[in-house]
């Protein structure tokens, strides 16, 4: 893949709330992309609760769409809240659906993680658990920079846009790093 080709990222937030802090992180990422990179955001609201009986009949349409979008994307951006020291149920449910065989689309996919919460730890524990889950799926998680926005409710302006300059700088740096990571991984032949 040439560096002149456009890197297509797919993003989703592990929150269903309209004014989700994590949806705003994705929106900020979309505004801060490096040249030659796009970000499509997928809403997880249509994903049903995982049920193996349903899966045996085939993937629900929303799941099938997301699986195809992940497979077609060059990389993935996940914005996550942290609930009870771990991954939000919405996000874990989505990953459980998407990762079912055949051909689960996270395999060899570059992934960036970011998270925002009203708590003081900024999703650190949830992100650690998500890294474990994505590792099991053979995804290639970008390690740095880490984006863990604590007390997110104090870091938005009146319109609900992220105003914290440190967080914005980290997001811009992470998107540039994800582009470089994706290009590097695409240039490595798969054995």
N, C-alpha and C. Protein backbone atom coordinates (compact mmCIF):
# COMPACT_ATOMS: atom_id res chain seq x y z
N UNK A 1 0.85 -1.18 0.00
CA UNK A 1 0.00 0.00 0.00
C UNK A 1 0.89 1.23 0.00
N UNK A 2 0.67 2.12 -0.90
CA UNK A 2 1.42 3.37 -1.01
C UNK A 2 0.92 4.34 0.06
N UNK A 3 1.83 5.22 0.50
CA UNK A 3 1.44 6.21 1.51
C UNK A 3 0.48 7.24 0.93
N UNK A 4 0.32 7.28 -0.38
CA UNK A 4 -0.60 8.23 -1.02
C UNK A 4 -2.03 7.71 -1.04
N UNK A 5 -2.22 6.44 -0.75
CA UNK A 5 -3.57 5.89 -0.73
C UNK A 5 -4.28 6.35 0.55
N UNK A 6 -5.60 6.46 0.45
CA UNK A 6 -6.39 6.87 1.61
C UNK A 6 -6.57 5.70 2.56
N UNK A 7 -6.31 5.95 3.82
CA UNK A 7 -6.55 4.97 4.89
C UNK A 7 -7.99 5.16 5.36
N UNK A 8 -8.77 4.09 5.28
CA UNK A 8 -10.18 4.15 5.68
C UNK A 8 -10.34 3.52 7.06
N UNK A 9 -10.70 4.36 8.02
CA UNK A 9 -10.93 3.89 9.39
C UNK A 9 -12.43 3.79 9.64
N UNK A 10 -12.78 2.80 10.43
CA UNK A 10 -14.16 2.65 10.89
C UNK A 10 -14.14 2.84 12.40
N UNK A 11 -15.02 3.68 12.91
CA UNK A 11 -15.07 3.92 14.34
C UNK A 11 -16.44 3.60 14.92
N UNK A 12 -16.45 3.19 16.17
CA UNK A 12 -17.71 3.04 16.89
C UNK A 12 -17.47 3.27 18.37
N UNK A 13 -18.52 3.76 19.03
CA UNK A 13 -18.47 4.05 20.46
C UNK A 13 -19.25 2.99 21.22
N UNK A 14 -18.71 2.56 22.34
CA UNK A 14 -19.36 1.55 23.16
C UNK A 14 -20.42 2.14 24.07
N UNK A 15 -21.13 3.14 23.59
CA UNK A 15 -22.18 3.80 24.35
C UNK A 15 -23.33 4.10 23.40
N UNK A 16 -24.55 3.99 23.88
CA UNK A 16 -25.71 4.27 23.05
C UNK A 16 -26.28 5.67 23.30
N UNK A 17 -25.83 6.34 24.34
CA UNK A 17 -26.35 7.65 24.72
C UNK A 17 -26.11 8.67 23.61
N UNK A 18 -27.11 9.47 23.28
CA UNK A 18 -26.99 10.48 22.21
C UNK A 18 -25.82 11.42 22.46
N UNK A 19 -25.70 11.92 23.67
CA UNK A 19 -24.63 12.87 23.98
C UNK A 19 -23.46 12.18 24.68
N UNK A 20 -23.15 11.01 24.22
CA UNK A 20 -22.06 10.21 24.79
C UNK A 20 -20.73 10.94 24.66
N UNK A 21 -19.95 10.92 25.74
CA UNK A 21 -18.60 11.49 25.70
C UNK A 21 -17.76 10.77 24.65
N UNK A 22 -17.98 9.47 24.53
CA UNK A 22 -17.17 8.68 23.60
C UNK A 22 -17.56 8.91 22.15
N UNK A 23 -18.82 9.20 21.90
CA UNK A 23 -19.21 9.60 20.54
C UNK A 23 -18.53 10.93 20.20
N UNK A 24 -18.39 11.81 21.17
CA UNK A 24 -17.69 13.08 20.92
C UNK A 24 -16.20 12.84 20.68
N UNK A 25 -15.59 11.86 21.36
CA UNK A 25 -14.20 11.55 21.06
C UNK A 25 -14.04 11.14 19.60
N UNK A 26 -14.97 10.32 19.10
CA UNK A 26 -14.92 9.91 17.69
C UNK A 26 -15.13 11.11 16.77
N UNK A 27 -16.04 11.99 17.13
CA UNK A 27 -16.27 13.19 16.32
C UNK A 27 -15.00 14.05 16.29
N UNK A 28 -14.36 14.19 17.44
CA UNK A 28 -13.10 14.95 17.49
C UNK A 28 -12.04 14.28 16.63
N UNK A 29 -11.96 12.96 16.70
CA UNK A 29 -11.00 12.22 15.86
C UNK A 29 -11.26 12.51 14.39
N UNK A 30 -12.52 12.54 14.00
CA UNK A 30 -12.87 12.84 12.62
C UNK A 30 -12.43 14.23 12.18
N UNK A 31 -12.43 15.17 13.11
CA UNK A 31 -11.99 16.54 12.80
C UNK A 31 -10.47 16.67 12.78
N UNK A 32 -9.77 15.71 13.39
CA UNK A 32 -8.32 15.82 13.57
C UNK A 32 -7.52 14.79 12.77
N UNK A 33 -8.15 14.19 11.78
CA UNK A 33 -7.47 13.16 10.98
C UNK A 33 -6.32 13.76 10.18
N UNK A 34 -5.27 12.96 10.01
CA UNK A 34 -4.20 13.42 9.11
C UNK A 34 -4.67 13.35 7.66
N UNK A 35 -3.99 14.07 6.80
CA UNK A 35 -4.30 14.02 5.38
C UNK A 35 -4.19 12.57 4.90
N UNK A 36 -5.11 12.18 4.03
CA UNK A 36 -5.07 10.83 3.49
C UNK A 36 -5.73 9.78 4.37
N UNK A 37 -6.59 10.23 5.27
CA UNK A 37 -7.29 9.30 6.16
C UNK A 37 -8.74 9.74 6.31
N UNK A 38 -9.65 8.77 6.32
CA UNK A 38 -11.07 9.05 6.55
C UNK A 38 -11.55 8.22 7.74
N UNK A 39 -12.63 8.67 8.37
CA UNK A 39 -13.22 7.95 9.49
C UNK A 39 -14.73 7.90 9.31
N UNK A 40 -15.25 6.68 9.15
CA UNK A 40 -16.70 6.47 9.13
C UNK A 40 -17.09 5.98 10.52
N UNK A 41 -18.16 6.54 11.08
CA UNK A 41 -18.62 6.15 12.41
C UNK A 41 -19.88 5.31 12.26
N UNK A 42 -19.89 4.15 12.93
CA UNK A 42 -21.03 3.24 12.91
C UNK A 42 -21.72 3.29 14.27
N UNK A 43 -23.03 3.43 14.27
CA UNK A 43 -23.82 3.46 15.51
C UNK A 43 -24.19 2.03 15.91
N UNK A 44 -23.86 1.64 17.12
CA UNK A 44 -24.11 0.28 17.59
C UNK A 44 -25.55 0.03 18.05
N UNK A 45 -26.40 1.04 18.04
CA UNK A 45 -27.77 0.90 18.55
C UNK A 45 -28.55 -0.26 17.93
N UNK A 46 -28.41 -0.57 16.63
CA UNK A 46 -29.20 -1.67 16.05
C UNK A 46 -28.69 -3.09 16.38
N UNK A 47 -27.55 -3.19 17.03
CA UNK A 47 -27.00 -4.52 17.33
C UNK A 47 -27.83 -5.17 18.44
N UNK A 48 -28.42 -6.35 18.19
CA UNK A 48 -29.23 -7.01 19.24
C UNK A 48 -28.34 -7.67 20.29
N UNK A 49 -28.97 -8.09 21.37
CA UNK A 49 -28.24 -8.87 22.37
C UNK A 49 -27.81 -10.20 21.75
N UNK A 50 -26.59 -10.61 22.09
CA UNK A 50 -26.07 -11.85 21.51
C UNK A 50 -26.91 -13.05 21.95
N UNK A 51 -27.24 -13.89 20.98
CA UNK A 51 -28.00 -15.10 21.25
C UNK A 51 -27.54 -16.15 20.24
N UNK A 52 -26.92 -17.21 20.73
CA UNK A 52 -26.39 -18.26 19.85
C UNK A 52 -27.48 -18.91 19.01
N UNK A 53 -28.68 -19.01 19.55
CA UNK A 53 -29.79 -19.58 18.76
C UNK A 53 -30.07 -18.72 17.53
N UNK A 54 -29.99 -17.41 17.70
CA UNK A 54 -30.19 -16.49 16.57
C UNK A 54 -29.02 -16.63 15.60
N UNK A 55 -27.79 -16.65 16.12
CA UNK A 55 -26.61 -16.72 15.26
C UNK A 55 -26.61 -17.99 14.41
N UNK A 56 -27.10 -19.08 14.96
CA UNK A 56 -27.16 -20.33 14.19
C UNK A 56 -28.02 -20.19 12.95
N UNK A 57 -28.93 -19.24 12.97
CA UNK A 57 -29.80 -18.98 11.81
C UNK A 57 -29.17 -17.96 10.85
N UNK A 58 -28.05 -17.38 11.26
CA UNK A 58 -27.38 -16.36 10.46
C UNK A 58 -27.24 -15.07 11.25
N UNK A 59 -26.36 -14.22 10.80
CA UNK A 59 -26.15 -12.95 11.50
C UNK A 59 -27.32 -12.00 11.26
N UNK A 60 -27.79 -11.31 12.30
CA UNK A 60 -28.80 -10.27 12.09
C UNK A 60 -28.24 -9.22 11.13
N UNK A 61 -29.10 -8.53 10.38
CA UNK A 61 -28.63 -7.57 9.37
C UNK A 61 -27.64 -6.53 9.91
N UNK A 62 -27.90 -5.95 11.07
CA UNK A 62 -27.00 -4.92 11.61
C UNK A 62 -25.62 -5.49 11.91
N UNK A 63 -25.58 -6.73 12.37
CA UNK A 63 -24.30 -7.39 12.66
C UNK A 63 -23.57 -7.68 11.35
N UNK A 64 -24.28 -8.17 10.37
CA UNK A 64 -23.66 -8.47 9.08
C UNK A 64 -23.09 -7.20 8.45
N UNK A 65 -23.81 -6.10 8.54
CA UNK A 65 -23.31 -4.82 8.01
C UNK A 65 -22.03 -4.42 8.72
N UNK A 66 -22.02 -4.50 10.06
CA UNK A 66 -20.83 -4.11 10.81
C UNK A 66 -19.66 -5.03 10.50
N UNK A 67 -19.89 -6.32 10.42
CA UNK A 67 -18.80 -7.25 10.06
C UNK A 67 -18.19 -6.87 8.72
N UNK A 68 -19.03 -6.56 7.73
CA UNK A 68 -18.52 -6.18 6.41
C UNK A 68 -17.77 -4.86 6.46
N UNK A 69 -18.26 -3.92 7.26
CA UNK A 69 -17.59 -2.62 7.37
C UNK A 69 -16.22 -2.77 8.04
N UNK A 70 -16.13 -3.59 9.07
CA UNK A 70 -14.84 -3.83 9.72
C UNK A 70 -13.89 -4.50 8.75
N UNK A 71 -14.37 -5.51 8.04
CA UNK A 71 -13.51 -6.23 7.08
C UNK A 71 -13.01 -5.30 5.99
N UNK A 72 -13.85 -4.37 5.54
CA UNK A 72 -13.48 -3.46 4.45
C UNK A 72 -12.59 -2.31 4.91
N UNK A 73 -12.63 -1.98 6.19
CA UNK A 73 -11.84 -0.87 6.71
C UNK A 73 -10.37 -1.26 6.79
N UNK A 74 -9.51 -0.27 6.66
CA UNK A 74 -8.08 -0.51 6.84
C UNK A 74 -7.73 -0.61 8.33
N UNK A 75 -8.51 0.08 9.17
CA UNK A 75 -8.25 0.07 10.61
C UNK A 75 -9.54 0.44 11.34
N UNK A 76 -9.53 0.27 12.65
CA UNK A 76 -10.71 0.49 13.48
C UNK A 76 -10.34 1.41 14.65
N UNK A 77 -11.26 2.30 15.01
CA UNK A 77 -11.12 3.16 16.18
C UNK A 77 -12.29 2.86 17.11
N UNK A 78 -11.98 2.47 18.34
CA UNK A 78 -13.02 2.16 19.33
C UNK A 78 -12.94 3.19 20.46
N UNK A 79 -14.06 3.87 20.71
CA UNK A 79 -14.17 4.80 21.83
C UNK A 79 -15.06 4.13 22.87
N UNK A 80 -14.54 4.02 24.08
CA UNK A 80 -15.26 3.21 25.07
C UNK A 80 -15.44 3.91 26.41
N UNK A 81 -16.63 3.75 26.98
CA UNK A 81 -16.79 4.11 28.38
C UNK A 81 -16.27 2.95 29.25
N UNK A 82 -16.22 3.18 30.53
CA UNK A 82 -15.85 2.11 31.45
C UNK A 82 -16.97 1.95 32.46
N UNK A 83 -17.50 0.74 32.56
CA UNK A 83 -18.55 0.45 33.54
C UNK A 83 -18.05 -0.64 34.48
N UNK A 84 -18.15 -0.38 35.76
CA UNK A 84 -17.78 -1.37 36.78
C UNK A 84 -16.38 -1.92 36.56
N UNK A 85 -15.43 -1.04 36.28
CA UNK A 85 -14.02 -1.38 36.09
C UNK A 85 -13.75 -2.18 34.83
N UNK A 86 -14.67 -2.18 33.85
CA UNK A 86 -14.46 -3.04 32.69
C UNK A 86 -15.14 -2.46 31.44
N UNK A 87 -15.30 -3.32 30.44
CA UNK A 87 -15.88 -2.98 29.15
C UNK A 87 -17.39 -2.83 29.30
N UNK A 88 -17.94 -1.79 28.71
CA UNK A 88 -19.39 -1.60 28.72
C UNK A 88 -20.07 -2.76 27.99
N UNK A 89 -21.23 -3.16 28.47
CA UNK A 89 -21.95 -4.29 27.88
C UNK A 89 -22.24 -4.12 26.40
N UNK A 90 -22.57 -2.91 25.97
CA UNK A 90 -22.87 -2.64 24.56
C UNK A 90 -21.67 -3.01 23.69
N UNK A 91 -20.49 -2.60 24.13
CA UNK A 91 -19.28 -2.87 23.35
C UNK A 91 -18.92 -4.36 23.36
N UNK A 92 -18.98 -4.98 24.52
CA UNK A 92 -18.63 -6.40 24.61
C UNK A 92 -19.62 -7.23 23.79
N UNK A 93 -20.90 -6.90 23.87
CA UNK A 93 -21.92 -7.59 23.10
C UNK A 93 -21.63 -7.49 21.60
N UNK A 94 -21.26 -6.30 21.16
CA UNK A 94 -20.95 -6.09 19.74
C UNK A 94 -19.75 -6.93 19.32
N UNK A 95 -18.71 -6.91 20.12
CA UNK A 95 -17.51 -7.70 19.79
C UNK A 95 -17.85 -9.19 19.76
N UNK A 96 -18.67 -9.64 20.70
CA UNK A 96 -19.07 -11.06 20.71
C UNK A 96 -19.80 -11.42 19.42
N UNK A 97 -20.70 -10.57 18.95
CA UNK A 97 -21.41 -10.83 17.70
C UNK A 97 -20.44 -10.86 16.52
N UNK A 98 -19.68 -9.79 16.40
CA UNK A 98 -18.82 -9.60 15.23
C UNK A 98 -17.75 -10.69 15.12
N UNK A 99 -17.28 -11.17 16.24
CA UNK A 99 -16.14 -12.10 16.24
C UNK A 99 -16.51 -13.56 16.00
N UNK A 100 -17.79 -13.87 15.85
CA UNK A 100 -18.18 -15.25 15.61
C UNK A 100 -17.71 -15.69 14.22
N UNK A 101 -17.36 -16.96 14.09
CA UNK A 101 -16.95 -17.46 12.77
C UNK A 101 -18.12 -17.46 11.80
N UNK A 102 -17.89 -17.49 10.55
CA UNK A 102 -16.56 -17.63 9.92
C UNK A 102 -15.91 -16.27 9.69
N UNK A 103 -14.61 -16.29 9.51
CA UNK A 103 -13.82 -15.12 9.10
C UNK A 103 -14.10 -13.89 9.94
N UNK A 104 -13.80 -14.00 11.24
CA UNK A 104 -14.03 -12.83 12.09
C UNK A 104 -13.13 -11.69 11.63
N UNK A 105 -13.68 -10.49 11.49
CA UNK A 105 -12.98 -9.40 10.81
C UNK A 105 -11.93 -8.64 11.61
N UNK A 106 -11.77 -8.93 12.90
CA UNK A 106 -10.74 -8.24 13.68
C UNK A 106 -9.34 -8.84 13.44
N UNK A 107 -9.27 -10.02 12.86
CA UNK A 107 -7.97 -10.68 12.65
C UNK A 107 -7.07 -9.80 11.79
N UNK A 108 -5.90 -9.50 12.32
CA UNK A 108 -4.87 -8.69 11.67
C UNK A 108 -5.30 -7.25 11.41
N UNK A 109 -6.34 -6.78 12.06
CA UNK A 109 -6.84 -5.41 11.87
C UNK A 109 -6.16 -4.47 12.86
N UNK A 110 -5.55 -3.37 12.40
CA UNK A 110 -5.03 -2.36 13.32
C UNK A 110 -6.20 -1.68 14.05
N UNK A 111 -6.06 -1.50 15.36
CA UNK A 111 -7.13 -0.92 16.18
C UNK A 111 -6.54 0.12 17.13
N UNK A 112 -7.19 1.27 17.20
CA UNK A 112 -6.86 2.29 18.19
C UNK A 112 -8.01 2.36 19.19
N UNK A 113 -7.66 2.55 20.45
CA UNK A 113 -8.65 2.62 21.53
C UNK A 113 -8.54 3.99 22.20
N UNK A 114 -9.70 4.55 22.51
CA UNK A 114 -9.76 5.78 23.30
C UNK A 114 -10.96 5.66 24.21
N UNK A 115 -10.96 6.42 25.30
CA UNK A 115 -12.11 6.34 26.19
C UNK A 115 -12.27 7.58 27.03
N UNK A 116 -13.51 7.84 27.39
CA UNK A 116 -13.85 8.99 28.24
C UNK A 116 -14.87 8.56 29.27
N UNK A 117 -14.74 9.12 30.46
CA UNK A 117 -15.65 8.81 31.55
C UNK A 117 -15.70 9.99 32.52
N UNK A 118 -16.73 10.03 33.34
CA UNK A 118 -16.81 11.08 34.36
C UNK A 118 -15.90 10.76 35.53
N UNK A 119 -15.45 9.54 35.66
CA UNK A 119 -14.57 9.14 36.76
C UNK A 119 -13.17 9.69 36.62
N UNK A 120 -12.37 9.48 37.64
CA UNK A 120 -11.00 10.02 37.66
C UNK A 120 -9.97 9.12 37.00
N UNK A 121 -10.35 7.89 36.64
CA UNK A 121 -9.37 6.96 36.06
C UNK A 121 -9.39 6.95 34.54
N UNK A 122 -10.35 7.59 33.93
CA UNK A 122 -10.34 7.75 32.48
C UNK A 122 -10.36 6.47 31.67
N UNK A 123 -11.04 5.45 32.08
CA UNK A 123 -11.24 4.17 31.37
C UNK A 123 -10.01 3.26 31.36
N UNK A 124 -9.06 3.50 32.22
CA UNK A 124 -7.82 2.72 32.21
C UNK A 124 -8.07 1.22 32.41
N UNK A 125 -8.97 0.88 33.32
CA UNK A 125 -9.23 -0.54 33.59
C UNK A 125 -10.01 -1.18 32.45
N UNK A 126 -11.00 -0.48 31.93
CA UNK A 126 -11.78 -0.99 30.80
C UNK A 126 -10.92 -1.17 29.56
N UNK A 127 -10.03 -0.22 29.31
CA UNK A 127 -9.16 -0.34 28.14
C UNK A 127 -8.22 -1.54 28.27
N UNK A 128 -7.74 -1.79 29.48
CA UNK A 128 -6.90 -2.97 29.70
C UNK A 128 -7.66 -4.25 29.34
N UNK A 129 -8.91 -4.34 29.76
CA UNK A 129 -9.72 -5.53 29.43
C UNK A 129 -9.99 -5.61 27.93
N UNK A 130 -10.27 -4.47 27.30
CA UNK A 130 -10.51 -4.49 25.86
C UNK A 130 -9.27 -4.94 25.10
N UNK A 131 -8.11 -4.53 25.54
CA UNK A 131 -6.86 -4.98 24.90
C UNK A 131 -6.74 -6.51 24.98
N UNK A 132 -7.13 -7.08 26.11
CA UNK A 132 -7.09 -8.54 26.25
C UNK A 132 -8.04 -9.21 25.26
N UNK A 133 -9.24 -8.69 25.14
CA UNK A 133 -10.24 -9.26 24.23
C UNK A 133 -9.75 -9.15 22.79
N UNK A 134 -9.26 -7.99 22.40
CA UNK A 134 -8.80 -7.80 21.02
C UNK A 134 -7.56 -8.64 20.72
N UNK A 135 -6.73 -8.86 21.72
CA UNK A 135 -5.57 -9.74 21.54
C UNK A 135 -6.01 -11.16 21.23
N UNK A 136 -7.05 -11.61 21.89
CA UNK A 136 -7.60 -12.94 21.63
C UNK A 136 -8.11 -13.06 20.20
N UNK A 137 -8.50 -11.94 19.61
CA UNK A 137 -9.04 -11.93 18.25
C UNK A 137 -7.97 -11.65 17.19
N UNK A 138 -6.71 -11.62 17.62
CA UNK A 138 -5.58 -11.35 16.72
C UNK A 138 -5.63 -9.98 16.07
N UNK A 139 -6.24 -9.01 16.74
CA UNK A 139 -6.19 -7.62 16.28
C UNK A 139 -4.83 -7.05 16.67
N UNK A 140 -4.40 -6.02 15.96
CA UNK A 140 -3.13 -5.36 16.25
C UNK A 140 -3.43 -4.00 16.89
N UNK A 141 -3.44 -3.99 18.23
CA UNK A 141 -3.82 -2.79 18.98
C UNK A 141 -2.65 -1.82 19.04
N UNK A 142 -2.91 -0.58 18.68
CA UNK A 142 -1.93 0.49 18.79
C UNK A 142 -1.71 0.77 20.27
N UNK A 143 -0.45 0.79 20.69
CA UNK A 143 -0.16 0.94 22.13
C UNK A 143 -0.09 2.39 22.60
N UNK A 144 0.42 3.28 21.75
CA UNK A 144 0.59 4.67 22.17
C UNK A 144 0.24 5.60 21.03
N UNK A 145 -0.27 6.77 21.31
CA UNK A 145 -0.58 7.27 22.65
C UNK A 145 -1.89 6.70 23.17
N UNK A 146 -1.97 6.58 24.47
CA UNK A 146 -3.21 6.15 25.11
C UNK A 146 -4.07 7.38 25.35
N UNK A 147 -5.37 7.23 25.13
CA UNK A 147 -6.29 8.34 25.35
C UNK A 147 -7.32 7.89 26.38
N UNK A 148 -7.20 8.47 27.58
CA UNK A 148 -8.08 8.15 28.70
C UNK A 148 -8.54 9.46 29.31
N UNK A 149 -9.67 9.94 28.84
CA UNK A 149 -10.17 11.25 29.27
C UNK A 149 -10.98 11.09 30.55
N UNK A 150 -10.41 11.56 31.64
CA UNK A 150 -11.08 11.51 32.95
C UNK A 150 -11.93 12.77 33.13
N UNK A 151 -12.96 12.66 33.95
CA UNK A 151 -13.86 13.78 34.26
C UNK A 151 -14.30 14.49 32.97
N UNK A 152 -14.72 13.67 32.02
CA UNK A 152 -15.07 14.16 30.68
C UNK A 152 -16.18 15.21 30.72
N UNK A 153 -17.06 15.13 31.70
CA UNK A 153 -18.15 16.10 31.80
C UNK A 153 -17.65 17.52 31.98
N UNK A 154 -16.41 17.71 32.40
CA UNK A 154 -15.84 19.05 32.59
C UNK A 154 -15.00 19.48 31.38
N UNK A 155 -14.91 18.63 30.36
CA UNK A 155 -13.99 18.91 29.25
C UNK A 155 -14.70 19.14 27.92
N UNK A 156 -15.99 19.47 28.01
CA UNK A 156 -16.78 19.77 26.82
C UNK A 156 -17.25 21.22 26.88
N UNK A 157 -17.44 21.82 25.71
CA UNK A 157 -17.98 23.17 25.68
C UNK A 157 -19.51 23.12 25.73
N UNK A 158 -20.16 24.26 25.57
CA UNK A 158 -21.62 24.35 25.68
C UNK A 158 -22.33 23.56 24.58
N UNK A 159 -21.66 23.35 23.45
CA UNK A 159 -22.24 22.58 22.35
C UNK A 159 -21.95 21.09 22.46
N UNK A 160 -21.24 20.68 23.53
CA UNK A 160 -20.93 19.27 23.71
C UNK A 160 -19.69 18.82 22.96
N UNK A 161 -18.88 19.77 22.48
CA UNK A 161 -17.64 19.42 21.76
C UNK A 161 -16.47 19.42 22.74
N UNK A 162 -15.57 18.49 22.52
CA UNK A 162 -14.38 18.38 23.36
C UNK A 162 -13.57 19.67 23.25
N UNK A 163 -13.24 20.26 24.40
CA UNK A 163 -12.47 21.51 24.42
C UNK A 163 -11.12 21.34 25.09
N UNK A 164 -10.88 20.21 25.72
CA UNK A 164 -9.63 19.98 26.45
C UNK A 164 -8.47 19.83 25.45
N UNK A 165 -7.54 20.79 25.47
CA UNK A 165 -6.47 20.81 24.47
C UNK A 165 -5.56 19.60 24.58
N UNK A 166 -5.27 19.14 25.78
CA UNK A 166 -4.41 17.97 25.92
C UNK A 166 -5.06 16.75 25.26
N UNK A 167 -6.34 16.56 25.50
CA UNK A 167 -7.06 15.43 24.88
C UNK A 167 -7.10 15.58 23.37
N UNK A 168 -7.36 16.78 22.88
CA UNK A 168 -7.39 17.01 21.43
C UNK A 168 -6.03 16.72 20.80
N UNK A 169 -4.97 17.16 21.46
CA UNK A 169 -3.62 16.90 20.94
C UNK A 169 -3.32 15.40 20.91
N UNK A 170 -3.74 14.69 21.96
CA UNK A 170 -3.53 13.24 22.00
C UNK A 170 -4.31 12.53 20.89
N UNK A 171 -5.54 12.97 20.66
CA UNK A 171 -6.35 12.35 19.61
C UNK A 171 -5.70 12.58 18.25
N UNK A 172 -5.25 13.80 18.00
CA UNK A 172 -4.58 14.09 16.73
C UNK A 172 -3.33 13.22 16.56
N UNK A 173 -2.55 13.09 17.61
CA UNK A 173 -1.35 12.26 17.58
C UNK A 173 -1.71 10.80 17.38
N UNK A 174 -2.78 10.33 18.06
CA UNK A 174 -3.18 8.94 17.92
C UNK A 174 -3.65 8.63 16.51
N UNK A 175 -4.40 9.53 15.90
CA UNK A 175 -4.87 9.27 14.53
C UNK A 175 -3.69 9.22 13.55
N UNK A 176 -2.70 10.08 13.73
CA UNK A 176 -1.50 10.03 12.88
C UNK A 176 -0.74 8.72 13.12
N UNK A 177 -0.65 8.31 14.39
CA UNK A 177 0.03 7.06 14.72
C UNK A 177 -0.73 5.85 14.15
N UNK A 178 -2.07 5.90 14.19
CA UNK A 178 -2.86 4.81 13.63
C UNK A 178 -2.66 4.71 12.12
N UNK A 179 -2.60 5.84 11.45
CA UNK A 179 -2.34 5.82 10.01
C UNK A 179 -0.99 5.18 9.73
N UNK A 180 0.05 5.61 10.44
CA UNK A 180 1.39 5.06 10.24
C UNK A 180 1.43 3.56 10.57
N UNK A 181 0.77 3.17 11.66
CA UNK A 181 0.71 1.76 12.10
C UNK A 181 0.02 0.91 11.03
N UNK A 182 -1.06 1.43 10.48
CA UNK A 182 -1.81 0.72 9.44
C UNK A 182 -0.95 0.55 8.19
N UNK A 183 -0.28 1.60 7.78
CA UNK A 183 0.58 1.51 6.61
C UNK A 183 1.72 0.51 6.84
N UNK A 184 2.29 0.54 8.03
CA UNK A 184 3.39 -0.39 8.36
C UNK A 184 2.89 -1.84 8.32
N UNK A 185 1.74 -2.10 8.93
CA UNK A 185 1.22 -3.47 8.95
C UNK A 185 0.81 -3.94 7.55
N UNK A 186 0.30 -3.03 6.74
CA UNK A 186 -0.09 -3.41 5.36
C UNK A 186 1.12 -3.75 4.51
N UNK A 187 2.28 -3.20 4.87
CA UNK A 187 3.48 -3.46 4.06
C UNK A 187 4.19 -4.75 4.46
N UNK A 188 3.77 -5.35 5.59
CA UNK A 188 4.39 -6.60 6.06
C UNK A 188 3.65 -7.77 5.46
N UNK A 189 4.35 -8.64 4.70
CA UNK A 189 3.65 -9.80 4.12
C UNK A 189 3.17 -10.76 5.20
N UNK A 190 1.98 -11.29 5.00
CA UNK A 190 1.42 -12.27 5.94
C UNK A 190 1.94 -13.64 5.55
N UNK A 191 2.45 -14.37 6.53
CA UNK A 191 3.02 -15.70 6.25
C UNK A 191 1.95 -16.72 5.98
